[in-house]
Amino acid sequence: MRSLQRGFATSVVVLALAGCSNAAAPPSSAPATTAASPSTETSASASASASAASSGSGVLAAAKASGTLNIGTSTGPPIGFIDPNGEPKGIAIDICNEFIKREGIAKLNATLFPFSSEIPAIVSGRIDLGCDTFYVTPERQQQVNFTDTLFFNVETLTTQKGNPKNIHALKDLDGKTGCTYEGTVWVDWLNKLKTDGTNVNVQIFPTPTEEFAAISSGSCDAGLIDAILPGYALQQNPSLNLENVSDYKSADRASNAVSMPLRKDETDVQEAFNKDLAAMKADGTLAAIFTKWNLTPPEYFINP
């Protein structure tokens, strides 16, 4: 998504909240950030940080010297998104802003990607940190390193209001259509259902926005998605034709731990981030971020 970055960001945020244009995002108390444009300067900045890492000076030192840390995010309010003014916002963005503040880095240079493209962008050196939420899997660990656990991002099963197809568990998708979005572990879950003999039609969408639209229209009977996303969207606009399946049993909590990915040569960033994250948990900063986004009690998301 390169040249369409800002225009795409504006449209997907508006669609994700489906008629929520009057519902402003919570005001940010974090340092101002700037959305990156797909320019030669951005590419040069990413190449410079990758070069700095290979030369031994370290990505963190390079970011402090330049005053900028290059990050990626995807579209999933309230975890991470670019608002209509081109500003990165969300829980993950607030965590990254707090990190750079504690490390003396002036700003984030944020680029919007499809979720499935963030790890390739890290590996290639275009960005230095995926300021987003990733489950840590063996396959992903072959490509990148991860920070310590940010919080627990429990999945949910989302249907149309009233749950017209009476879906309460993944096994209930037999003879129905299940969906999720690209790059998630839930793609594997749905495909495994088929492999195991469940007659499910699987739909995979580029972003949660399209998944919401499919569920709302009825073209997808139930979707696997981060529980925070539909919860936040419904909080902003209760008229959305969506509901979380109240009795859906998610996977065990430990498997829902999420972290941020970074390159394997970025041990300096990893160590500093983990130190600052532990401090954020201890001093109440992380809890305050969740409260700011009306995700309460924050302990539900933060504590194991």
Foldseek 3Di string as FASTA:
>chain_A
DAQCFLVVQAVLVCLLLPPLPVQDFFDDPFAWAAEAHNDPVLQVLLVVLVVCLVVPVANLNVQQVVLEAEEEEEDFPQQWGQHNVRTIHHLLVRLVRLLCVVSNRNYYHYTYDQLQCRLVCQQVRSGFKHSGWAQDDPVSVVRWDWAPFLWFQWKFKKAFPPLVQPDAEPLSQQVFEEEEEPPHCVVVVNVVCVVVPRNYHYDYHRHVSVVLVCRQVVVHGIYIDGPVRVVLSCVSPVPGRMDTNPNHDTDDRVSRTITMTGHPSNVVSRVSSNVVSVVCVVVVVSCVSCVSSVNPPSCVTHPD
